[in-house]
Amino acid sequence: MFCKLISSCLNGFKSIEVHVEVDVCDGLPSFEIVGLPDNSVRESKERVKSAIKNSGFAFPVKRITVNLAPADIKKEGSLYDLPIALGLLGCMGIIPSDAFQDKIFLGELALDGTLRHVNGILPIVYSPPTSSVSYILPDTNALELSKAPHQALLYFHTLTEVIHYLINNELPLQPEIQEMPSTINYLDFEDVKGQEHIKRGLMIAAAGHHHTLLIGPPGCGKTMVAKRLPGILPSLSPQAQVELTKIYSLAKQISVSLPIKYRPFRAPHHTTTIQGLTGGGIHPKPGEISLAHQGVLFLDELLEFNRQVLETMRQPLEEGQITISRLNNQVTFPAQFLFIAATNPCPCGYYPDTHKCHCDLPSIRRYLNKLSGPLLDRLDLQLEMQPVSFHHLHKGTCLSTQEMKDKVQTARQIQASRFHSIGLNTNSEIPTKFLKTYCILTHEAEDLLDHWFNTIGSSARSYTSILKLARTIADLDDKDIIDEECMSEALSYRLLDRKFWA
């Protein structure tokens, strides 16, 4: 007897249809799974056998062959347990073969026949609601899939329930999806005493999505302000929530009790590898830069990272995505994060405090030159932080996260209105050909920028970064044209362009 069902697998974010072909024939008893299965798929033989027996059915003592097609794609995970078990029952004549049509089966089986939660399932079922295919799924995945647009998602608790549905069309009571109220408690900038110019810089970074470098001695608050940055970013749209949940589902880091509704903050240690940062593996999975999608990626002690690791940041910073290539396989993960990096100004960390720092200029240059020019050019803001004085530590009022978020939201709305016709969201995305259209300068601002470049000699990428940065400052100040004041502030954030040790 032969039976065929449809399941699915993932290639990056792309769902690929997998045909589960089951053949049961006379011969020496055996159970073989072919089609490039990994160990977790091979082990499904024991789970399927016990689940069928404990669900009240006899397991066939015959020669069993299961083929997972296409055979040139590696299969991994336990989601094929359910289709394999149903295929065997179909070959035994318990389930009519036509009951498998227009259905996709996904699920892991416990030894007692219970359906268990499947990791990475959201990207698989995320398809247009007009699709005529029904998905047969574990009920423990119901909350995770509550945002999926597909209408035909059928949930089951046990193998027996699936069998009764396929034979008698008896659909069990579907789980009532009740999302738990989400309380997002972002850290408040009101806790940061002093450093008002840094708050202003980070507000600009959030408003225009500008990548930022914080430079300052130990203890001045670099990590403290970075951790509070997600709180001033605009709230995630429903579409962004689904996209972010798909990434965490694929990375097997999602909570089954709450969809992702908050801006992520990722802060990998400086010992992280290239694969840990960008993603990868035999079956490519998202790395830290993709897990920071729609949020903040913070690299503390930037110059302690391996230089090769840092150089891999160039593509995602420029394109908002990362492409990982493997033999006969290439996957692309989204990586539209706001990059915040922090570093000390010298090896000891206390330059230019002559009482604490005894580093000479050559050692400072060598230390800062660990950061390559191409990567530095992609950091629009370079903010210098100083130790907080006793007066500021005891100051009563500070700019709060909510006040900063309101200003950022207003600037984002201005940008959304401006770029509506060309499909952009923030000033940092302005293509070079549109710079003259959207970054109009007064004569005074143009003269200031001209003098800057004649004096400093920055790169062409720095030129575009400064214009986009000035455009964001003008938006925050509700100005249609970039004037001398906006340009002057933008140039003040190019710290490493004008320092003699750069």
Protein backbone atom coordinates (compact mmCIF):
# COMPACT_ATOMS: atom_id res chain seq x y z
CA MET A 1 0.00 0.00 0.00
CA PHE A 2 1.15 3.51 -0.84
CA CYS A 3 0.04 6.84 0.61
CA LYS A 4 1.19 10.44 0.13
CA LEU A 5 0.74 13.53 2.35
CA ILE A 6 1.99 17.10 2.25
CA SER A 7 4.15 18.68 4.93
CA SER A 8 6.60 21.58 4.79
CA CYS A 9 10.10 22.74 5.69
CA LEU A 10 11.99 26.02 5.80
CA ASN A 11 14.84 27.36 3.71
CA GLY A 12 15.61 30.58 5.58
CA PHE A 13 12.26 32.37 5.59
CA LYS A 14 11.01 30.51 2.53
CA SER A 15 8.53 27.67 3.02
CA ILE A 16 9.11 24.60 0.84
CA GLU A 17 6.49 21.92 0.29
CA VAL A 18 7.61 18.44 1.38
CA HIS A 19 5.87 15.32 0.05
CA VAL A 20 5.76 12.58 2.70
CA GLU A 21 5.48 9.32 0.75
CA VAL A 22 4.77 6.18 2.79
CA ASP A 23 4.98 2.67 1.39
CA VAL A 24 4.04 -0.47 3.38
CA CYS A 25 4.71 -3.82 1.73
CA ASP A 26 5.40 -7.46 2.57
CA GLY A 27 8.90 -8.45 3.53
CA LEU A 28 11.23 -8.50 6.51
CA PRO A 29 9.99 -5.99 9.11
CA SER A 30 11.88 -2.70 8.80
CA PHE A 31 11.27 1.03 9.06
CA GLU A 32 13.41 3.30 6.88
CA ILE A 33 13.20 7.07 6.34
CA VAL A 34 14.99 8.48 3.27
CA GLY A 35 15.22 11.93 1.68
CA LEU A 36 18.16 13.51 3.55
CA PRO A 37 16.70 13.29 7.10
CA ASP A 38 18.75 14.46 10.06
CA ASN A 39 18.93 12.60 13.38
CA SER A 40 15.77 14.20 14.80
CA VAL A 41 13.82 12.99 11.74
CA ARG A 42 15.29 9.49 11.92
CA GLU A 43 14.34 9.24 15.59
CA SER A 44 10.71 9.88 14.65
CA LYS A 45 10.42 6.13 13.91
CA GLU A 46 10.27 5.30 17.62
CA ARG A 47 7.94 8.19 18.45
CA VAL A 48 5.55 7.27 15.61
CA LYS A 49 5.53 3.59 16.55
CA SER A 50 4.69 4.25 20.22
CA ALA A 51 2.14 6.98 19.40
CA ILE A 52 0.20 4.69 17.03
CA LYS A 53 0.16 1.82 19.54
CA ASN A 54 -0.85 4.05 22.47
CA SER A 55 -3.63 5.60 20.38
CA GLY A 56 -5.29 2.20 20.11
CA PHE A 57 -4.09 1.06 16.67
CA ALA A 58 -1.88 -1.85 15.63
CA PHE A 59 1.49 -0.99 14.17
CA PRO A 60 2.14 -2.85 10.86
CA VAL A 61 4.83 -5.54 11.12
CA LYS A 62 5.95 -5.10 7.54
CA ARG A 63 8.57 -3.40 5.42
CA ILE A 64 7.98 0.36 5.79
CA THR A 65 9.67 3.00 3.65
CA VAL A 66 9.11 6.74 4.12
CA ASN A 67 10.45 9.17 1.53
CA LEU A 68 10.64 12.91 2.19
CA ALA A 69 10.72 14.64 -1.19
CA PRO A 70 12.42 16.60 -2.65
CA ALA A 71 15.32 14.38 -1.69
CA ASP A 72 18.02 17.02 -2.33
CA ILE A 73 16.90 19.27 0.57
CA LYS A 74 18.01 18.45 4.10
CA LYS A 75 15.09 17.75 6.47
CA GLU A 76 15.39 18.58 10.16
CA GLY A 77 13.13 18.75 13.18
CA SER A 78 10.33 16.67 14.61
CA LEU A 79 7.45 18.22 12.64
CA TYR A 80 7.22 15.17 10.30
CA ASP A 81 6.02 12.81 13.08
CA LEU A 82 2.34 13.54 12.42
CA PRO A 83 2.34 13.11 8.61
CA ILE A 84 4.40 9.90 8.86
CA ALA A 85 1.99 8.40 11.41
CA LEU A 86 -1.05 9.38 9.35
CA GLY A 87 0.57 8.00 6.21
CA LEU A 88 1.05 4.63 7.90
CA LEU A 89 -2.58 4.60 9.03
CA GLY A 90 -3.61 5.50 5.49
CA CYS A 91 -1.61 2.57 4.08
CA MET A 92 -3.36 0.29 6.59
CA GLY A 93 -6.75 1.45 5.26
CA ILE A 94 -7.80 3.13 8.51
CA ILE A 95 -7.86 6.61 6.92
CA PRO A 96 -9.16 7.08 3.34
CA SER A 97 -6.47 8.46 1.03
CA ASP A 98 -8.69 11.27 -0.28
CA ALA A 99 -8.90 12.71 3.27
CA PHE A 100 -5.31 13.96 2.91
CA GLN A 101 -6.04 16.24 -0.05
CA ASP A 102 -5.64 20.02 0.31
CA LYS A 103 -4.10 19.65 3.77
CA ILE A 104 -0.64 20.26 5.17
CA PHE A 105 0.34 18.29 8.28
CA LEU A 106 2.84 19.51 10.89
CA GLY A 107 3.43 18.21 14.39
CA GLU A 108 5.63 16.31 16.82
CA LEU A 109 4.20 13.26 18.54
CA ALA A 110 4.66 12.31 22.17
CA LEU A 111 4.80 8.59 22.95
CA ASP A 112 1.18 8.68 24.14
CA GLY A 113 -0.03 10.29 20.90
CA THR A 114 -0.22 13.86 22.18
CA LEU A 115 0.75 16.59 19.71
CA ARG A 116 3.60 18.76 20.94
CA HIS A 117 4.61 22.32 20.14
CA VAL A 118 6.66 22.78 16.95
CA ASN A 119 9.41 25.42 16.86
CA GLY A 120 9.77 27.68 13.83
CA ILE A 121 6.23 27.04 12.61
CA LEU A 122 5.13 30.65 12.05
CA PRO A 123 7.25 31.27 8.93
CA ILE A 124 5.86 28.02 7.47
CA VAL A 125 2.17 28.83 7.79
CA TYR A 126 2.54 32.55 7.05
CA SER A 127 0.82 32.60 3.66
CA PRO A 128 -1.98 34.63 2.03
CA PRO A 129 -5.46 33.99 3.46
CA THR A 130 -6.77 33.18 -0.03
CA SER A 131 -4.91 29.86 0.00
CA SER A 132 -7.21 26.83 -0.30
CA VAL A 133 -4.95 24.61 1.82
CA SER A 134 -5.79 23.73 5.44
CA TYR A 135 -3.05 23.32 8.05
CA ILE A 136 -3.32 20.53 10.64
CA LEU A 137 -1.37 21.75 13.67
CA PRO A 138 -0.73 21.16 17.39
CA ASP A 139 -3.02 23.25 19.59
CA THR A 140 -0.01 24.45 21.60
CA ASN A 141 0.99 26.57 18.57
CA ALA A 142 -2.34 28.43 18.48
CA LEU A 143 -1.21 31.55 20.37
CA GLU A 144 1.99 31.87 18.36
CA LEU A 145 -0.01 31.74 15.11
CA SER A 146 -2.71 34.18 16.22
CA LYS A 147 -1.24 36.92 13.99
CA ALA A 148 -0.92 34.73 10.89
CA PRO A 149 -3.31 35.80 8.09
CA HIS A 150 -4.12 32.24 7.04
CA GLN A 151 -7.75 31.39 7.76
CA ALA A 152 -7.66 27.57 7.62
CA LEU A 153 -5.56 26.72 10.67
CA LEU A 154 -6.99 23.66 12.44
CA TYR A 155 -5.65 22.72 15.88
CA PHE A 156 -5.60 19.29 17.53
CA HIS A 157 -4.42 17.98 20.87
CA THR A 158 -3.87 14.29 20.05
CA LEU A 159 -3.28 11.97 17.13
CA THR A 160 -6.67 10.38 17.81
CA GLU A 161 -8.43 13.72 17.29
CA VAL A 162 -6.73 14.12 13.90
CA ILE A 163 -7.75 10.60 12.86
CA HIS A 164 -11.41 11.17 13.82
CA TYR A 165 -11.41 14.44 11.90
CA LEU A 166 -10.01 12.82 8.75
CA ILE A 167 -12.42 9.86 8.93
CA ASN A 168 -15.62 11.45 10.22
CA ASN A 169 -14.91 15.17 9.67
CA GLU A 170 -15.31 15.67 13.44
CA LEU A 171 -13.44 18.85 14.25
CA PRO A 172 -12.62 19.13 17.98
CA LEU A 173 -13.30 22.31 19.91
CA GLN A 174 -10.74 24.85 18.72
CA PRO A 175 -8.63 26.63 21.34
CA GLU A 176 -9.85 30.06 22.33
CA ILE A 177 -6.94 32.39 21.70
CA GLN A 178 -6.71 34.95 24.46
CA GLU A 179 -3.60 37.04 24.30
CA MET A 180 -2.13 37.93 27.64
CA PRO A 181 -2.04 41.68 28.23
CA SER A 182 1.42 42.89 27.37
CA THR A 183 3.07 45.36 29.69
CA ILE A 184 6.20 46.75 28.08
CA ASN A 185 8.33 48.38 30.73
CA TYR A 186 11.14 50.16 28.93
CA LEU A 187 13.84 51.74 31.04
CA ASP A 188 13.32 55.49 31.45
CA PHE A 189 15.76 58.20 30.38
CA GLU A 190 14.62 60.15 33.42
CA ASP A 191 16.98 57.93 35.41
CA VAL A 192 19.95 59.32 33.45
CA LYS A 193 21.27 62.37 35.26
CA GLY A 194 23.00 64.93 33.12
CA GLN A 195 24.19 63.89 29.62
CA GLU A 196 21.45 66.01 28.02
CA HIS A 197 23.50 66.41 24.82
CA ILE A 198 23.72 62.60 24.58
CA LYS A 199 19.96 62.32 25.01
CA ARG A 200 19.57 64.84 22.20
CA GLY A 201 21.93 62.79 20.01
CA LEU A 202 20.08 59.53 20.68
CA MET A 203 16.76 61.25 20.02
CA ILE A 204 18.14 62.24 16.59
CA ALA A 205 19.36 58.68 16.05
CA ALA A 206 15.91 57.28 16.85
CA ALA A 207 14.08 59.88 14.75
CA GLY A 208 16.07 59.28 11.57
CA HIS A 209 17.36 55.74 12.23
CA HIS A 210 21.00 56.86 12.35
CA HIS A 211 23.66 54.44 13.61
CA THR A 212 25.62 55.85 16.54
CA LEU A 213 28.98 55.51 18.28
CA LEU A 214 29.35 56.49 21.95
CA ILE A 215 32.88 57.37 23.11
CA GLY A 216 33.68 57.97 26.74
CA PRO A 217 35.52 56.77 29.86
CA PRO A 218 34.29 53.89 32.05
CA GLY A 219 31.30 54.74 34.22
CA CYS A 220 30.05 57.73 32.25
CA GLY A 221 26.77 55.98 31.32
CA LYS A 222 27.27 54.59 27.79
CA THR A 223 25.52 51.30 28.52
CA MET A 224 22.87 53.02 30.62
CA VAL A 225 21.70 55.33 27.83
CA ALA A 226 21.93 52.60 25.18
CA LYS A 227 19.59 50.31 27.13
CA ARG A 228 16.98 53.05 27.22
CA LEU A 229 17.00 53.70 23.49
CA PRO A 230 14.28 51.14 22.52
CA GLY A 231 11.82 53.04 24.70
CA ILE A 232 11.86 56.14 22.49
CA LEU A 233 11.43 54.26 19.21
CA PRO A 234 7.90 54.25 17.72
CA SER A 235 5.67 51.32 18.68
CA LEU A 236 5.79 48.26 16.43
CA SER A 237 3.13 48.01 13.75
CA PRO A 238 1.12 44.74 13.55
CA GLN A 239 3.05 43.80 10.41
CA ALA A 240 6.38 44.42 12.15
CA GLN A 241 5.23 42.33 15.13
CA VAL A 242 4.52 39.38 12.85
CA GLU A 243 7.84 39.75 11.04
CA LEU A 244 9.75 39.89 14.31
CA THR A 245 7.83 36.93 15.72
CA LYS A 246 8.75 34.94 12.60
CA ILE A 247 12.44 35.60 13.23
CA TYR A 248 12.26 34.54 16.88
CA SER A 249 10.17 31.51 15.93
CA LEU A 250 12.79 30.44 13.40
CA ALA A 251 15.56 30.99 15.96
CA LYS A 252 13.57 28.95 18.51
CA GLN A 253 13.64 31.82 20.99
CA ILE A 254 9.97 32.68 21.02
CA SER A 255 7.77 32.47 24.11
CA VAL A 256 4.61 30.43 23.55
CA SER A 257 2.70 32.78 25.85
CA LEU A 258 3.24 36.15 24.22
CA PRO A 259 3.83 37.31 20.61
CA ILE A 260 6.70 39.76 20.15
CA LYS A 261 5.29 43.25 20.64
CA TYR A 262 8.32 45.12 21.92
CA ARG A 263 11.43 46.56 20.29
CA PRO A 264 14.24 44.07 20.94
CA PHE A 265 17.51 45.10 22.54
CA ARG A 266 20.39 42.75 21.78
CA ALA A 267 23.82 43.18 23.38
CA PRO A 268 26.14 40.29 22.40
CA HIS A 269 29.43 39.87 24.27
CA HIS A 270 32.63 40.94 22.52
CA THR A 271 33.72 37.28 22.32
CA THR A 272 30.84 36.43 19.96
CA THR A 273 31.72 34.75 16.67
CA ILE A 274 30.84 35.76 13.12
CA GLN A 275 28.19 33.05 13.03
CA GLY A 276 26.75 34.19 16.36
CA LEU A 277 26.46 37.76 15.11
CA THR A 278 25.30 37.31 11.53
CA GLY A 279 23.66 33.88 11.73
CA GLY A 280 24.58 30.67 9.96
CA GLY A 281 25.07 26.98 10.56
CA ILE A 282 24.48 23.94 8.37
CA HIS A 283 20.81 24.90 8.42
CA PRO A 284 21.18 28.72 8.56
CA LYS A 285 19.48 30.34 11.53
CA PRO A 286 19.21 34.07 12.40
CA GLY A 287 22.04 35.65 14.36
CA GLU A 288 22.12 38.61 16.73
CA ILE A 289 21.74 41.20 13.97
CA SER A 290 18.49 39.57 12.80
CA LEU A 291 17.23 39.08 16.36
CA ALA A 292 17.74 42.85 16.75
CA HIS A 293 15.50 43.50 13.69
CA GLN A 294 13.18 46.47 14.31
CA GLY A 295 15.08 47.16 17.52
CA VAL A 296 18.54 48.04 18.82
CA LEU A 297 21.83 46.17 18.44
CA PHE A 298 24.31 47.35 21.07
CA LEU A 299 27.97 46.41 20.88
CA ASP A 300 29.67 47.45 24.10
CA GLU A 301 33.47 47.63 24.13
CA LEU A 302 33.38 47.81 20.33
CA LEU A 303 37.13 47.73 19.82
CA GLU A 304 37.43 44.51 21.83
CA PHE A 305 35.45 42.65 19.14
CA ASN A 306 37.38 40.67 16.56
CA ARG A 307 37.93 42.90 13.54
CA GLN A 308 36.66 40.26 11.11
CA VAL A 309 33.44 40.06 13.13
CA LEU A 310 32.98 43.83 12.91
CA GLU A 311 33.61 43.92 9.16
CA THR A 312 30.68 41.56 8.58
CA MET A 313 28.44 44.40 9.79
CA ARG A 314 28.95 46.38 6.59
CA GLN A 315 26.30 44.68 4.44
CA PRO A 316 23.47 44.69 7.02
CA LEU A 317 24.20 48.31 8.01
CA GLU A 318 23.98 49.33 4.36
CA GLU A 319 21.16 47.08 3.11
CA GLY A 320 19.09 46.17 6.18
CA GLN A 321 19.48 42.43 5.55
CA ILE A 322 22.09 39.68 5.70
CA THR A 323 22.66 37.02 3.06
CA ILE A 324 24.21 33.72 4.17
CA SER A 325 25.56 31.38 1.50
CA ARG A 326 26.10 27.66 1.91
CA LEU A 327 26.76 24.89 -0.60
CA ASN A 328 23.76 24.81 -2.97
CA ASN A 329 21.87 27.08 -0.57
CA GLN A 330 21.50 30.80 0.04
CA VAL A 331 19.20 32.44 2.57
CA THR A 332 18.49 36.07 3.42
CA PHE A 333 17.38 37.29 6.84
CA PRO A 334 16.09 40.81 7.62
CA ALA A 335 18.38 42.98 9.75
CA GLN A 336 16.93 46.49 9.95
CA PHE A 337 18.27 47.38 13.37
CA LEU A 338 19.48 50.61 14.93
CA PHE A 339 23.17 50.09 15.64
CA ILE A 340 24.63 51.60 18.81
CA ALA A 341 28.26 50.99 19.68
CA ALA A 342 30.29 52.09 22.69
CA THR A 343 34.03 52.32 23.20
CA ASN A 344 36.65 53.91 25.40
CA PRO A 345 38.73 56.71 23.85
CA CYS A 346 42.06 55.01 24.61
CA PRO A 347 43.50 51.72 25.93
CA CYS A 348 43.19 52.77 29.58
CA GLY A 349 39.83 54.42 28.94
CA TYR A 350 40.38 57.86 30.49
CA TYR A 351 41.69 60.09 27.69
CA PRO A 352 41.85 63.15 27.76
CA ASP A 353 41.97 63.22 31.60
CA THR A 354 45.72 63.74 32.13
CA HIS A 355 45.41 62.82 35.81
CA LYS A 356 44.20 59.29 34.99
CA CYS A 357 45.37 58.69 31.40
CA HIS A 358 49.04 58.20 30.55
CA CYS A 359 48.56 56.80 27.03
CA ASP A 360 50.71 58.39 24.32
CA LEU A 361 49.24 59.52 20.99
CA PRO A 362 50.62 56.59 18.92
CA SER A 363 48.98 54.04 21.25
CA ILE A 364 45.69 55.98 21.10
CA ARG A 365 45.84 56.01 17.30
CA ARG A 366 46.54 52.27 17.17
CA TYR A 367 43.67 51.62 19.53
CA LEU A 368 41.13 53.67 17.57
CA ASN A 369 42.36 52.39 14.21
CA LYS A 370 40.95 48.96 15.13
CA LEU A 371 37.73 50.49 13.84
CA SER A 372 38.05 50.55 10.06
CA GLY A 373 37.20 53.64 8.02
CA PRO A 374 34.39 51.97 6.00
CA LEU A 375 32.63 50.84 9.19
CA LEU A 376 33.15 54.21 10.89
CA ASP A 377 31.62 55.96 7.86
CA ARG A 378 28.40 54.03 8.48
CA LEU A 379 28.09 55.47 12.00
CA ASP A 380 26.29 58.77 11.40
CA LEU A 381 26.59 60.08 14.96
CA GLN A 382 29.79 59.95 16.99
CA LEU A 383 28.99 61.21 20.48
CA GLU A 384 31.59 62.01 23.12
CA MET A 385 30.49 61.38 26.71
CA GLN A 386 32.09 62.88 29.80
CA PRO A 387 31.83 61.83 33.46
CA VAL A 388 28.74 63.21 35.18
CA SER A 389 29.38 65.98 37.69
CA PHE A 390 28.15 65.98 41.28
CA HIS A 391 25.74 68.80 40.43
CA HIS A 392 24.04 66.84 37.63
CA LEU A 393 23.79 63.69 39.75
CA HIS A 394 21.68 65.66 42.24
CA LYS A 395 19.70 67.60 39.63
CA GLY A 396 15.95 67.15 40.07
CA THR A 397 14.47 67.18 36.52
CA CYS A 398 15.61 65.27 33.45
CA LEU A 399 14.17 64.64 30.01
CA SER A 400 11.97 61.54 30.23
CA THR A 401 11.53 58.67 27.79
CA GLN A 402 7.93 59.66 27.03
CA GLU A 403 8.91 63.26 26.20
CA MET A 404 11.65 62.02 23.90
CA LYS A 405 9.36 59.44 22.28
CA ASP A 406 6.74 62.10 21.51
CA LYS A 407 9.34 64.20 19.68
CA VAL A 408 10.66 61.16 17.81
CA GLN A 409 7.13 60.15 16.82
CA THR A 410 6.42 63.64 15.43
CA ALA A 411 9.63 63.57 13.38
CA ARG A 412 8.80 60.07 12.09
CA GLN A 413 5.37 61.27 10.96
CA ILE A 414 6.97 64.12 9.04
CA GLN A 415 9.27 61.63 7.29
CA ALA A 416 6.43 59.20 6.55
CA SER A 417 4.48 62.01 4.87
CA ARG A 418 7.53 63.20 2.93
CA PHE A 419 8.55 59.77 1.60
CA HIS A 420 5.08 58.33 1.03
CA SER A 421 5.43 58.44 -2.77
CA ILE A 422 8.81 56.65 -2.90
CA GLY A 423 8.21 54.01 -0.20
CA LEU A 424 10.81 55.08 2.38
CA ASN A 425 10.39 55.39 6.14
CA THR A 426 13.31 57.39 7.56
CA ASN A 427 15.90 59.94 6.48
CA SER A 428 18.74 57.44 6.72
CA GLU A 429 17.23 55.57 3.75
CA ILE A 430 17.29 58.53 1.32
CA PRO A 431 18.99 57.40 -1.93
CA THR A 432 21.78 59.59 -3.25
CA LYS A 433 19.72 60.71 -6.26
CA PHE A 434 17.08 62.22 -3.94
CA LEU A 435 19.44 64.12 -1.63
CA LYS A 436 19.06 67.42 -3.50
CA THR A 437 15.28 66.97 -3.51
CA TYR A 438 14.82 66.37 0.21
CA CYS A 439 17.93 67.95 1.76
CA ILE A 440 17.63 71.58 0.69
CA LEU A 441 20.25 73.84 2.31
CA THR A 442 20.31 77.55 2.95
CA HIS A 443 23.32 79.42 1.55
CA GLU A 444 24.82 79.72 5.04
CA ALA A 445 24.45 75.98 5.66
CA GLU A 446 25.99 75.19 2.27
CA ASP A 447 28.97 77.46 2.98
CA LEU A 448 29.46 75.81 6.39
CA LEU A 449 29.45 72.33 4.84
CA ASP A 450 31.83 73.45 2.08
CA HIS A 451 34.26 74.84 4.66
CA TRP A 452 34.04 71.61 6.64
CA PHE A 453 35.01 69.43 3.72
CA ASN A 454 37.79 71.74 2.61
CA THR A 455 39.22 71.57 6.13
CA ILE A 456 38.56 67.95 7.13
CA GLY A 457 38.51 66.12 3.78
CA SER A 458 35.86 63.54 4.71
CA SER A 459 34.58 60.79 2.38
CA ALA A 460 31.61 60.92 0.02
CA ARG A 461 29.71 58.59 2.38
CA SER A 462 30.33 61.07 5.22
CA TYR A 463 28.87 63.81 3.02
CA THR A 464 25.61 61.91 2.50
CA SER A 465 25.49 60.96 6.20
CA ILE A 466 25.85 64.58 7.27
CA LEU A 467 23.08 65.71 4.92
CA LYS A 468 20.69 63.00 6.16
CA LEU A 469 21.61 63.78 9.76
CA ALA A 470 20.95 67.50 9.22
CA ARG A 471 17.61 66.62 7.61
CA THR A 472 16.58 64.70 10.75
CA ILE A 473 17.65 67.58 13.01
CA ALA A 474 15.55 69.95 10.89
CA ASP A 475 12.56 67.60 11.24
CA LEU A 476 12.91 67.52 15.03
CA ASP A 477 13.03 71.34 15.02
CA ASP A 478 10.08 71.49 12.57
CA LYS A 479 12.06 73.21 9.81
CA ASP A 480 11.41 72.65 6.11
CA ILE A 481 14.90 73.74 5.02
CA ILE A 482 18.24 72.82 6.58
CA ASP A 483 19.67 76.05 7.99
CA GLU A 484 23.07 76.89 9.43
CA GLU A 485 22.03 75.89 12.95
CA CYS A 486 20.92 72.40 11.84
CA MET A 487 24.08 71.91 9.78
CA SER A 488 26.30 73.10 12.62
CA GLU A 489 24.71 70.59 15.00
CA ALA A 490 25.06 67.77 12.44
CA LEU A 491 28.77 68.52 12.00
CA SER A 492 29.27 68.57 15.76
CA TYR A 493 28.33 64.89 15.84
CA ARG A 494 31.18 63.90 13.50
CA LEU A 495 33.62 63.53 16.38
CA LEU A 496 36.18 61.22 14.78
CA ASP A 497 36.33 63.29 11.58
CA ARG A 498 37.79 66.24 13.45
CA LYS A 499 39.85 64.70 16.25
CA PHE A 500 43.58 64.81 15.62
CA TRP A 501 43.97 61.18 16.71
CA ALA A 502 41.43 59.81 14.21
